[in-house]
Every structure is written in C-alpha cells, then in structure tokens.
Amino acid sequence: MSTQILFQVQLVLGYLAWLLCFRAYGLPWLSSMDRVAALRAIATLHSFRFFGLVFLLPGVVGPDLPAGFAVFAAYGDFATGVLAMLALLTVRVRPLFWTLVVAFNVTGMVDLVVDYYHAIQAGLPEHAEQLGATYAIPIIYVPLLMITHIAAFWFLLRPRQSVA
C-alpha cells in the first residue's frame, strides 16, 4: 500500500473512531453539563495545542517536511492553545470568557482547515513519513480537535436550557 493511501485510510479511520467514541461517551457527558462547564472541558483539551510547535523541531520531523505546512500548522496550533488557556483563565469574567471561547474555536478550526489545504498543496499524504514522530498528530489528535470544535460551536449556538 502506498504512503498516500495508507495515510488517507488512517486519517479517515481516525475520524471514524473518534466520532464513534465522541457520540457514545463525549457528547452525552458534555451535554449533561451546563454550557460553561462543557466549553471549559473542550478548552482544556485545546489548551494542549502548544504541542503543535513540535512541527518546527528538526530531528522530530523529517528534513523534507514541507515548510508551507509545518510553519502555519505549528503557529496556528500555538495560537489556538494560548487562546484556549486564556479562556480557562477568564471563566469568571463571562463576557471575556465567551469572547475567548469563540476566538479559540474560530482560530482552531481555521487552522485545521488551512492545514488540510496546505497538506494537500504540499503533497503531504505522499510524503507522510516526513512527519516522523509527529505522524500520530494528524491521524489521532486532529480528528478529535475538529470534532470538539464542531461540538463547541453546537454548544455556543444552541438555545440556553431553561432551569425548571
């Protein structure tokens, strides 16, 4: 099986596995909480996106990892992680919290979509071995991030539940 096909199959299966897991466990758990608590849980997950800076470390990724992909992905993840941490720090200042929740989700989702675009433009699936130790990030971590961004927007946009 070619590197491109193997990478694409694993990426699709990463999304499928996380969707099944999220539908069975994540969404019911988050839905049992109030919106603030659910969005704090999602922000906590995304606060670890500083890890994306690893795409810039020589020796961790291959020397031929396309710079057009690596640089944007690294700094987009870093920005999203910082915004998520700021949201967590400002949970008691609700207007600022809501602004930062929207900001980290918009930034994070745009980052992931643009990363997919850059990856396709740079031919990353054909050279996925250049991801080196970071190979698991797009296969395992990114699908979960995208799914939780979608969930965050769902929690942000759904009407408030009235307390009986």
Protein backbone atom coordinates (compact mmCIF):
# COMPACT_ATOMS: atom_id res chain seq x y z
CA MET A 1 0.00 0.00 0.00
CA SER A 2 1.40 3.41 -0.91
CA THR A 3 2.24 6.02 1.71
CA GLN A 4 -0.51 8.28 0.37
CA ILE A 5 -3.22 5.61 0.58
CA LEU A 6 -2.05 4.42 4.00
CA PHE A 7 -2.08 7.97 5.38
CA GLN A 8 -5.53 8.72 3.94
CA VAL A 9 -7.04 5.45 5.21
CA GLN A 10 -5.63 6.07 8.68
CA LEU A 11 -6.93 9.65 8.66
CA VAL A 12 -10.46 8.55 7.74
CA LEU A 13 -10.36 5.78 10.35
CA GLY A 14 -9.13 8.31 12.93
CA TYR A 15 -12.22 10.41 12.27
CA LEU A 16 -14.50 7.38 12.35
CA ALA A 17 -13.07 6.06 15.63
CA TRP A 18 -13.32 9.48 17.33
CA LEU A 19 -16.84 10.07 16.01
CA LEU A 20 -17.97 6.74 17.43
CA CYS A 21 -16.26 7.42 20.75
CA PHE A 22 -17.49 11.00 20.94
CA ARG A 23 -21.07 10.02 20.10
CA ALA A 24 -21.10 7.25 22.71
CA TYR A 25 -19.23 8.98 25.53
CA GLY A 26 -18.14 12.55 24.86
CA LEU A 27 -21.36 14.15 23.68
CA PRO A 28 -23.58 12.62 26.39
CA TRP A 29 -21.05 13.68 29.05
CA LEU A 30 -20.73 17.23 27.71
CA SER A 31 -24.50 17.52 27.21
CA SER A 32 -25.08 16.64 30.86
CA MET A 33 -23.21 19.82 31.87
CA ASP A 34 -24.15 23.45 31.62
CA ARG A 35 -22.67 25.29 28.62
CA VAL A 36 -19.84 26.89 30.56
CA ALA A 37 -18.65 23.58 32.00
CA ALA A 38 -18.87 21.85 28.63
CA LEU A 39 -16.92 24.61 26.90
CA ARG A 40 -14.34 24.62 29.70
CA ALA A 41 -13.80 20.89 29.12
CA ILE A 42 -13.31 21.50 25.40
CA ALA A 43 -10.99 24.45 26.10
CA THR A 44 -8.93 22.25 28.42
CA LEU A 45 -8.35 19.75 25.61
CA HIS A 46 -7.39 22.52 23.19
CA SER A 47 -5.08 24.19 25.70
CA PHE A 48 -2.57 21.42 24.88
CA ARG A 49 -2.28 22.56 21.27
CA PHE A 50 1.00 24.28 22.06
CA PHE A 51 2.32 20.78 21.29
CA GLY A 52 1.93 21.62 17.58
CA LEU A 53 5.17 23.63 17.80
CA VAL A 54 6.87 20.24 17.53
CA PHE A 55 6.44 20.52 13.74
CA LEU A 56 9.30 23.04 13.83
CA LEU A 57 11.81 20.77 15.61
CA PRO A 58 14.47 19.28 13.33
CA GLY A 59 15.02 15.64 14.15
CA VAL A 60 11.45 15.16 15.32
CA VAL A 61 10.09 15.71 11.83
CA GLY A 62 11.93 14.80 8.64
CA PRO A 63 14.12 17.38 6.91
CA ASP A 64 11.82 17.40 3.89
CA LEU A 65 8.58 18.17 5.76
CA PRO A 66 7.11 20.99 3.64
CA ALA A 67 7.73 24.29 5.41
CA GLY A 68 4.47 25.67 3.96
CA PHE A 69 2.66 23.09 6.02
CA ALA A 70 4.82 22.91 9.14
CA VAL A 71 5.15 26.61 9.98
CA PHE A 72 1.47 27.50 9.65
CA ALA A 73 0.38 24.31 11.46
CA ALA A 74 2.79 24.95 14.34
CA TYR A 75 1.87 28.57 14.91
CA GLY A 76 -1.85 28.02 14.31
CA ASP A 77 -1.86 25.33 16.99
CA PHE A 78 0.16 27.54 19.32
CA ALA A 79 -2.25 30.47 18.91
CA THR A 80 -5.25 28.22 19.48
CA GLY A 81 -3.69 26.72 22.61
CA VAL A 82 -2.90 30.14 24.08
CA LEU A 83 -6.44 31.38 23.37
CA ALA A 84 -7.89 28.25 25.00
CA MET A 85 -5.73 28.79 28.09
CA LEU A 86 -6.83 32.43 28.26
CA ALA A 87 -10.45 31.29 28.07
CA LEU A 88 -9.85 28.96 31.00
CA LEU A 89 -8.21 31.75 32.99
CA THR A 90 -11.11 34.15 32.41
CA VAL A 91 -14.04 31.85 33.16
CA ARG A 92 -15.18 34.16 35.99
CA VAL A 93 -15.31 37.17 33.64
CA ARG A 94 -18.08 35.81 31.43
CA PRO A 95 -18.01 38.35 28.56
CA LEU A 96 -14.26 37.81 28.17
CA PHE A 97 -14.64 34.04 28.56
CA TRP A 98 -17.27 33.86 25.80
CA THR A 99 -15.14 36.03 23.51
CA LEU A 100 -12.09 33.83 24.04
CA VAL A 101 -14.11 30.63 23.58
CA VAL A 102 -15.30 31.90 20.21
CA ALA A 103 -11.78 33.10 19.37
CA PHE A 104 -10.03 29.81 20.12
CA ASN A 105 -12.66 27.81 18.25
CA VAL A 106 -12.62 30.04 15.17
CA THR A 107 -8.81 30.20 15.20
CA GLY A 108 -8.50 26.47 15.77
CA MET A 109 -10.97 25.44 13.12
CA VAL A 110 -9.48 27.83 10.55
CA ASP A 111 -6.05 26.46 11.46
CA LEU A 112 -7.12 22.86 10.86
CA VAL A 113 -8.90 23.63 7.58
CA VAL A 114 -5.96 25.64 6.26
CA ASP A 115 -3.58 22.89 7.45
CA TYR A 116 -5.55 20.38 5.38
CA TYR A 117 -5.31 22.73 2.39
CA HIS A 118 -1.55 23.22 2.87
CA ALA A 119 -1.04 19.48 3.34
CA ILE A 120 -2.79 18.73 0.05
CA GLN A 121 -0.96 21.53 -1.78
CA ALA A 122 2.40 20.35 -0.43
CA GLY A 123 1.70 16.69 -1.22
CA LEU A 124 1.99 15.70 2.43
CA PRO A 125 0.00 12.46 2.09
CA GLU A 126 2.57 11.21 -0.44
CA HIS A 127 5.42 12.10 1.96
CA ALA A 128 3.78 11.37 5.30
CA GLU A 129 6.96 9.67 6.51
CA GLN A 130 8.42 13.19 6.84
CA LEU A 131 6.08 13.70 9.80
CA GLY A 132 8.39 11.39 11.76
CA ALA A 133 7.44 11.26 15.43
CA THR A 134 4.54 13.65 14.78
CA TYR A 135 2.73 11.20 12.48
CA ALA A 136 0.13 10.47 15.18
CA ILE A 137 -0.90 14.14 15.40
CA PRO A 138 -2.88 14.31 12.13
CA ILE A 139 -4.10 10.70 12.43
CA ILE A 140 -5.21 10.60 16.07
CA TYR A 141 -5.20 14.10 17.58
CA VAL A 142 -6.50 16.30 14.74
CA PRO A 143 -9.76 14.37 14.23
CA LEU A 144 -10.58 14.79 17.92
CA LEU A 145 -9.75 18.51 17.73
CA MET A 146 -12.00 19.04 14.70
CA ILE A 147 -14.87 17.09 16.26
CA THR A 148 -14.63 19.08 19.50
CA HIS A 149 -14.54 22.38 17.59
CA ILE A 150 -17.80 21.38 15.92
CA ALA A 151 -19.23 20.40 19.32
CA ALA A 152 -18.11 23.73 20.80
CA PHE A 153 -19.94 25.64 18.05
CA TRP A 154 -23.01 23.48 18.70
CA PHE A 155 -22.89 24.39 22.42
CA LEU A 156 -22.34 28.06 21.56
CA LEU A 157 -25.23 28.23 19.10
CA ARG A 158 -27.88 26.09 20.74
CA PRO A 159 -30.54 27.90 22.77
CA ARG A 160 -29.96 28.09 26.50
CA GLN A 161 -31.67 25.41 28.54
CA SER A 162 -34.11 26.95 30.98
CA VAL A 163 -33.82 25.66 34.54
CA ALA A 164 -37.13 24.30 35.83
